[in-house]
Amino acid sequence: MPPHEWQKSSYSGEGANCIYVAAPDKDTIKLRESDDPDVVVTTTPANLKAFILGIKAGEFDHLIDD
């Protein structure tokens, strides 16, 4: 896999649990976590946008144990 220019999420701060994002081209978004950087999730900008909007709308709240 070619190297990508990974950017750390600004919400990660200086902690150990960081999310990194790369956009190798206009149709691809790659995500990885600092704890397991060899695992990379690949998606499209449209799918990532829909996922983030779903999170903000609370569509996944039922999956969280209180």
N, C-alpha and C. Protein backbone atom coordinates (compact mmCIF):
# COMPACT_ATOMS: atom_id res chain seq x y z
N MET A 1 0.85 -1.18 0.00
CA MET A 1 0.00 0.00 0.00
C MET A 1 0.89 1.23 0.00
N PRO A 2 0.64 2.18 -0.88
CA PRO A 2 1.48 3.38 -0.91
C PRO A 2 1.26 4.22 0.35
N PRO A 3 2.28 4.96 0.74
CA PRO A 3 2.12 5.80 1.92
C PRO A 3 1.13 6.94 1.65
N HIS A 4 0.40 7.30 2.68
CA HIS A 4 -0.55 8.39 2.58
C HIS A 4 -0.14 9.49 3.55
N GLU A 5 -0.60 10.68 3.29
CA GLU A 5 -0.37 11.77 4.22
C GLU A 5 -1.49 11.73 5.26
N TRP A 6 -1.20 11.10 6.38
CA TRP A 6 -2.19 10.95 7.44
C TRP A 6 -2.26 12.22 8.28
N GLN A 7 -3.46 12.63 8.62
CA GLN A 7 -3.68 13.78 9.49
C GLN A 7 -4.39 13.30 10.75
N LYS A 8 -3.88 13.74 11.89
CA LYS A 8 -4.50 13.36 13.16
C LYS A 8 -5.69 14.26 13.44
N SER A 9 -6.75 13.66 13.94
CA SER A 9 -7.94 14.43 14.30
C SER A 9 -7.59 15.49 15.34
N SER A 10 -8.14 16.68 15.17
CA SER A 10 -7.89 17.75 16.14
C SER A 10 -8.55 17.44 17.48
N TYR A 11 -9.53 16.54 17.49
CA TYR A 11 -10.19 16.15 18.74
C TYR A 11 -9.36 15.13 19.53
N SER A 12 -8.32 14.57 18.94
CA SER A 12 -7.52 13.56 19.61
C SER A 12 -6.59 14.16 20.66
N GLY A 13 -6.22 15.40 20.49
CA GLY A 13 -5.31 16.03 21.44
C GLY A 13 -3.98 15.30 21.50
N GLU A 14 -3.44 15.17 22.71
CA GLU A 14 -2.16 14.51 22.90
C GLU A 14 -2.33 13.09 23.44
N GLY A 15 -3.55 12.60 23.51
CA GLY A 15 -3.82 11.26 24.04
C GLY A 15 -3.31 10.16 23.13
N ALA A 16 -3.40 8.93 23.63
CA ALA A 16 -2.91 7.77 22.89
C ALA A 16 -3.95 7.24 21.91
N ASN A 17 -5.22 7.52 22.12
CA ASN A 17 -6.28 7.01 21.25
C ASN A 17 -6.61 8.04 20.19
N CYS A 18 -5.88 7.99 19.10
CA CYS A 18 -6.02 9.00 18.05
C CYS A 18 -6.60 8.39 16.78
N ILE A 19 -7.39 9.18 16.09
CA ILE A 19 -7.91 8.80 14.78
C ILE A 19 -7.14 9.59 13.73
N TYR A 20 -6.71 8.89 12.69
CA TYR A 20 -5.99 9.52 11.59
C TYR A 20 -6.82 9.38 10.31
N VAL A 21 -6.77 10.40 9.47
CA VAL A 21 -7.53 10.44 8.22
C VAL A 21 -6.57 10.74 7.07
N ALA A 22 -6.81 10.08 5.94
CA ALA A 22 -6.05 10.36 4.72
C ALA A 22 -7.02 10.38 3.55
N ALA A 23 -6.74 11.23 2.58
CA ALA A 23 -7.55 11.31 1.36
C ALA A 23 -6.59 11.17 0.17
N PRO A 24 -6.28 9.92 -0.21
CA PRO A 24 -5.32 9.73 -1.31
C PRO A 24 -5.81 10.23 -2.66
N ASP A 25 -7.14 10.34 -2.83
CA ASP A 25 -7.71 10.93 -4.03
C ASP A 25 -9.09 11.48 -3.67
N LYS A 26 -9.74 12.14 -4.62
CA LYS A 26 -11.00 12.84 -4.31
C LYS A 26 -12.17 11.91 -4.02
N ASP A 27 -12.03 10.63 -4.34
CA ASP A 27 -13.12 9.67 -4.14
C ASP A 27 -12.88 8.70 -2.99
N THR A 28 -11.79 8.87 -2.25
CA THR A 28 -11.42 7.91 -1.22
C THR A 28 -11.04 8.60 0.08
N ILE A 29 -11.56 8.06 1.18
CA ILE A 29 -11.18 8.49 2.52
C ILE A 29 -10.69 7.25 3.25
N LYS A 30 -9.55 7.36 3.91
CA LYS A 30 -9.01 6.26 4.70
C LYS A 30 -8.92 6.70 6.16
N LEU A 31 -9.29 5.79 7.06
CA LEU A 31 -9.27 6.06 8.49
C LEU A 31 -8.47 4.97 9.19
N ARG A 32 -7.73 5.35 10.22
CA ARG A 32 -7.03 4.36 11.03
C ARG A 32 -6.95 4.88 12.46
N GLU A 33 -6.69 3.97 13.37
CA GLU A 33 -6.58 4.30 14.79
C GLU A 33 -5.14 4.11 15.22
N SER A 34 -4.67 4.95 16.13
CA SER A 34 -3.28 4.86 16.56
C SER A 34 -2.97 3.55 17.27
N ASP A 35 -3.96 2.95 17.94
CA ASP A 35 -3.73 1.69 18.65
C ASP A 35 -3.46 0.52 17.72
N ASP A 36 -3.97 0.57 16.50
CA ASP A 36 -3.81 -0.52 15.53
C ASP A 36 -3.67 0.08 14.13
N PRO A 37 -2.54 0.72 13.85
CA PRO A 37 -2.39 1.47 12.59
C PRO A 37 -2.38 0.62 11.32
N ASP A 38 -2.25 -0.70 11.46
CA ASP A 38 -2.26 -1.56 10.27
C ASP A 38 -3.67 -1.83 9.76
N VAL A 39 -4.67 -1.55 10.59
CA VAL A 39 -6.07 -1.72 10.18
C VAL A 39 -6.56 -0.40 9.62
N VAL A 40 -6.93 -0.39 8.36
CA VAL A 40 -7.36 0.83 7.68
C VAL A 40 -8.77 0.62 7.13
N VAL A 41 -9.67 1.54 7.44
CA VAL A 41 -11.02 1.52 6.91
C VAL A 41 -11.06 2.47 5.72
N THR A 42 -11.56 2.00 4.60
CA THR A 42 -11.65 2.81 3.38
C THR A 42 -13.12 3.07 3.05
N THR A 43 -13.43 4.31 2.75
CA THR A 43 -14.80 4.70 2.42
C THR A 43 -14.77 5.83 1.40
N THR A 44 -15.94 6.34 1.09
CA THR A 44 -16.05 7.49 0.19
C THR A 44 -16.41 8.72 1.01
N PRO A 45 -16.16 9.91 0.48
CA PRO A 45 -16.58 11.11 1.20
C PRO A 45 -18.09 11.13 1.48
N ALA A 46 -18.91 10.68 0.54
CA ALA A 46 -20.36 10.68 0.74
C ALA A 46 -20.77 9.73 1.87
N ASN A 47 -20.18 8.54 1.91
CA ASN A 47 -20.50 7.60 2.97
C ASN A 47 -20.03 8.08 4.33
N LEU A 48 -18.86 8.69 4.38
CA LEU A 48 -18.36 9.22 5.65
C LEU A 48 -19.25 10.36 6.13
N LYS A 49 -19.69 11.22 5.22
CA LYS A 49 -20.59 12.32 5.58
C LYS A 49 -21.90 11.77 6.15
N ALA A 50 -22.47 10.76 5.50
CA ALA A 50 -23.72 10.16 5.98
C ALA A 50 -23.52 9.54 7.36
N PHE A 51 -22.40 8.89 7.59
CA PHE A 51 -22.11 8.28 8.89
C PHE A 51 -21.99 9.35 9.98
N ILE A 52 -21.26 10.41 9.70
CA ILE A 52 -21.10 11.49 10.69
C ILE A 52 -22.44 12.16 10.99
N LEU A 53 -23.23 12.41 9.96
CA LEU A 53 -24.56 13.00 10.18
C LEU A 53 -25.44 12.07 11.01
N GLY A 54 -25.33 10.76 10.78
CA GLY A 54 -26.08 9.80 11.58
C GLY A 54 -25.66 9.81 13.03
N ILE A 55 -24.36 9.93 13.28
CA ILE A 55 -23.86 10.03 14.66
C ILE A 55 -24.43 11.28 15.32
N LYS A 56 -24.33 12.41 14.64
CA LYS A 56 -24.83 13.67 15.20
C LYS A 56 -26.33 13.64 15.45
N ALA A 57 -27.06 12.88 14.64
CA ALA A 57 -28.52 12.80 14.79
C ALA A 57 -28.93 11.77 15.84
N GLY A 58 -27.96 11.05 16.40
CA GLY A 58 -28.27 10.07 17.44
C GLY A 58 -28.75 8.73 16.92
N GLU A 59 -28.54 8.45 15.65
CA GLU A 59 -29.02 7.21 15.06
C GLU A 59 -28.34 5.95 15.62
N PHE A 60 -27.21 6.12 16.28
CA PHE A 60 -26.48 4.97 16.83
C PHE A 60 -26.49 4.95 18.34
N ASP A 61 -27.20 5.84 18.97
CA ASP A 61 -27.21 5.94 20.43
C ASP A 61 -27.68 4.65 21.11
N HIS A 62 -28.52 3.91 20.45
CA HIS A 62 -29.04 2.67 21.04
C HIS A 62 -27.94 1.60 21.16
N LEU A 63 -26.81 1.79 20.53
CA LEU A 63 -25.72 0.84 20.60
C LEU A 63 -24.80 1.07 21.79
N ILE A 64 -25.00 2.16 22.52
CA ILE A 64 -24.16 2.52 23.64
C ILE A 64 -24.82 2.07 24.94
N ASP A 65 -24.03 1.36 25.76
CA ASP A 65 -24.52 0.98 27.09
C ASP A 65 -24.40 2.19 28.02
N ASP A 66 -25.46 2.45 28.73
CA ASP A 66 -25.42 3.57 29.69
C ASP A 66 -24.94 3.12 31.03
